[in-house]
Protein backbone atom coordinates (compact mmCIF):
# COMPACT_ATOMS: atom_id res chain seq x y z
CA MET A 1 104.92 48.47 14.22
CA ASN A 2 107.43 50.18 12.99
CA LYS A 3 105.78 50.93 9.50
CA LEU A 4 102.98 52.24 11.70
CA ILE A 5 105.24 54.43 13.65
CA LEU A 6 106.55 55.91 10.54
CA PHE A 7 103.25 56.39 8.80
CA ALA A 8 102.00 58.48 11.86
CA LEU A 9 105.30 60.38 11.95
CA LEU A 10 105.14 61.20 8.61
CA LEU A 11 101.38 62.40 8.45
CA PHE A 12 102.22 64.64 11.65
CA THR A 13 105.13 66.39 9.87
CA THR A 14 103.40 67.15 6.81
CA SER A 15 100.09 68.38 8.71
CA ASN A 16 101.69 70.42 11.24
CA ASN A 17 104.31 72.67 9.22
CA TYR A 18 102.21 75.77 8.69
CA ASN A 19 98.60 76.35 8.29
CA LEU A 20 98.36 77.54 4.51
CA ASN A 21 95.74 75.01 2.90
CA LYS A 22 96.79 75.66 -0.73
CA ILE A 23 99.49 77.30 -2.64
CA GLU A 24 98.28 78.55 -6.41
CA ASN A 25 101.18 77.53 -8.38
CA THR A 26 100.27 79.75 -11.60
CA GLY A 27 102.45 82.52 -10.68
CA VAL A 28 103.20 85.05 -13.20
CA SER A 29 104.92 85.41 -16.39
CA ILE A 30 107.06 88.33 -18.12
CA VAL A 31 107.87 88.15 -21.42
CA GLU A 32 110.88 90.53 -22.65
CA SER A 33 112.56 90.45 -25.92
CA GLU A 34 115.98 89.03 -24.35
CA TYR A 35 114.18 86.78 -22.25
CA THR A 36 111.14 85.43 -20.76
CA THR A 37 110.50 84.82 -16.69
CA HIS A 38 108.05 82.75 -15.06
CA ILE A 39 107.67 83.27 -10.71
CA TYR A 40 105.54 81.14 -8.56
CA ILE A 41 105.41 78.93 -5.36
CA GLU A 42 105.70 75.50 -5.02
CA ARG A 43 105.19 72.60 -2.34
CA THR A 44 108.22 69.72 -2.58
CA TRP A 45 107.32 66.33 -1.26
CA ASN A 46 108.32 67.37 2.24
CA ASN A 47 106.41 70.15 2.40
CA GLN A 48 109.05 73.06 2.04
CA VAL A 49 107.76 75.98 0.26
CA ASN A 50 109.80 77.71 -2.34
CA LEU A 51 109.62 80.67 -4.71
CA VAL A 52 110.41 79.50 -8.13
CA VAL A 53 112.21 81.61 -10.87
CA LYS A 54 112.67 80.30 -14.20
CA LEU A 55 114.41 82.08 -16.48
CA GLU A 56 114.44 80.95 -20.53
CA LEU A 57 117.37 83.09 -22.37
CA LYS A 58 116.70 84.22 -25.82
CA ASN A 59 119.14 85.76 -28.48
CA ASP A 60 122.35 84.62 -26.64
CA SER A 61 121.52 86.61 -23.41
CA HIS A 62 123.73 85.77 -20.60
CA PHE A 63 123.78 87.37 -16.90
CA ILE A 64 126.29 86.34 -13.92
CA SER A 65 125.07 83.92 -11.18
CA PRO A 66 124.43 84.77 -7.65
CA TYR A 67 126.87 82.30 -7.08
CA GLU A 68 129.75 84.30 -8.58
CA PRO A 69 131.63 85.66 -5.48
CA GLY A 70 132.51 89.29 -4.50
CA ASP A 71 131.18 92.29 -5.80
CA ALA A 72 130.49 91.35 -9.22
CA LYS A 73 127.88 94.25 -10.61
CA GLY A 74 124.77 93.10 -11.96
CA LYS A 75 124.79 89.66 -11.06
CA PHE A 76 121.27 87.84 -10.17
CA TYR A 77 119.47 89.06 -7.18
CA MET A 78 116.12 88.61 -5.14
CA ASP A 79 114.88 89.86 -2.48
CA LEU A 80 111.63 90.81 -0.08
CA GLY A 81 110.67 93.95 1.00
CA SER A 82 109.42 92.95 4.28
CA TYR A 83 110.17 90.03 6.71
CA LYS A 84 107.67 90.06 9.68
CA ASP A 85 105.36 87.82 7.41
CA ILE A 86 107.66 85.40 5.11
CA ASN A 87 111.21 85.44 4.71
CA PHE A 88 114.15 83.70 2.80
CA GLU A 89 115.19 80.49 4.14
CA GLY A 90 118.65 79.28 3.73
CA LYS A 91 120.37 79.49 0.06
CA ILE A 92 118.88 80.11 -3.41
CA ILE A 93 119.41 76.72 -5.59
CA GLU A 94 120.47 77.39 -8.90
CA SER A 95 119.36 74.34 -11.61
CA PRO A 96 121.75 73.94 -13.85
CA ARG A 97 124.21 75.30 -12.08
CA ALA A 98 126.39 77.85 -13.91
CA ILE A 99 129.99 76.86 -13.93
CA LYS A 100 133.30 79.45 -14.00
CA LYS A 101 134.16 80.02 -17.92
CA TYR A 102 134.80 82.74 -19.71
CA GLY A 103 131.99 85.04 -20.83
CA PRO A 104 130.60 85.64 -24.33
CA ASN A 105 131.20 88.42 -26.74
CA ALA A 106 132.43 91.02 -25.14
CA PHE A 107 133.27 89.29 -21.89
CA GLU A 108 135.49 86.78 -23.31
CA ASN A 109 138.41 87.90 -21.57
CA GLU A 110 136.38 87.64 -18.43
CA LYS A 111 135.95 84.25 -16.37
CA ALA A 112 132.77 84.12 -14.19
CA PHE A 113 130.00 81.82 -13.61
CA TRP A 114 127.92 83.04 -16.22
CA VAL A 115 124.43 81.72 -17.01
CA THR A 116 124.33 81.04 -20.54
CA GLU A 117 121.43 78.74 -20.67
CA ASP A 118 117.91 78.60 -19.45
CA THR A 119 117.79 78.11 -15.42
CA THR A 120 115.70 78.16 -12.46
CA TYR A 121 115.96 79.16 -9.20
CA LYS A 122 114.84 78.22 -5.99
CA GLN A 123 114.79 79.97 -2.71
CA PRO A 124 113.12 78.37 0.09
CA LEU A 125 110.53 80.26 2.17
CA ASN A 126 110.00 80.51 6.16
CA ILE A 127 105.92 81.46 6.41
CA ILE A 128 105.69 83.59 9.54
CA SER A 129 102.61 84.75 9.71
CA ASP A 130 98.74 82.53 9.59
CA ASN A 131 97.02 85.86 8.90
CA ASP A 132 96.41 87.36 5.07
CA PHE A 133 99.38 89.41 3.85
CA GLU A 134 101.24 90.65 0.76
CA VAL A 135 104.92 91.07 0.79
CA PHE A 136 106.80 93.08 -2.36
CA GLY A 137 109.53 91.45 -3.63
CA ARG A 138 112.17 91.98 -6.52
CA ILE A 139 114.40 90.38 -8.63
CA LYS A 140 117.37 92.67 -10.36
CA PHE A 141 120.01 91.27 -12.63
CA VAL A 142 122.09 92.73 -16.02
CA ILE A 143 121.41 91.41 -19.35
CA GLU A 144 123.99 90.91 -21.13
CA PRO A 145 124.89 91.71 -24.40
CA LYS A 146 121.78 94.60 -24.05
CA CYS A 147 123.87 95.66 -20.78
CA THR A 148 120.75 96.37 -19.29
CA LEU A 149 119.51 96.40 -15.32
CA GLU A 150 116.32 94.39 -15.12
CA GLU A 151 114.16 94.96 -12.03
CA ILE A 152 111.06 92.38 -12.17
CA PRO A 153 108.76 93.52 -9.06
CA PHE A 154 106.44 90.88 -7.58
CA SER A 155 103.93 90.12 -4.86
CA ILE A 156 103.66 86.98 -2.55
CA VAL A 157 100.11 87.43 -1.15
CA SER A 158 98.30 85.15 1.35
CA GLU A 159 94.78 85.40 1.63
CA ASN A 160 92.31 82.78 2.90
CA GLY A 161 94.87 80.51 3.51
CA VAL A 162 95.77 80.34 -0.28
CA LEU A 163 99.50 81.36 -0.82
CA LYS A 164 100.53 82.78 -4.62
CA VAL A 165 102.59 85.24 -6.87
CA VAL A 166 101.16 88.06 -8.50
CA GLU A 167 102.52 90.96 -10.60
CA SER A 168 103.44 94.40 -8.79
CA ASP A 169 104.63 97.57 -10.10
CA LYS A 170 106.57 98.40 -6.52
CA CYS A 171 109.11 96.94 -4.77
């Protein structure tokens, strides 16, 4: 009897979270000389929807983690332009988690949460609207040692019940 109740509860929670039927997790990939970025949407085993950003670093590139406290300029940052259809829920998840250490190259005297290896960020999403929508977002960070501000625009689109990430030229 307990198994039947548990199964019914599980079925109810997975079918009742939100009305989007599908997630297209192909997303977009941006290839630069210092890094490659993959951005897509995933649904977890418990029906949570995440925006996923995978950063593959090249040529000893590095940047500051969003977990660096204070006002460190150029640390990894993500936002959305509008929150009426969708918004971020909770904190961003960094994996593997950056460790506080002295920075490479010119930053060897500065201790911070430096991201020096390929890292994945997952930001839980709250889908507010059942209607079709397009929300513009951006990822921002300073890539070192090149010392350039990187801004990567993207869009999250819901069309006919399918949620996906597409390339965008505006934030």
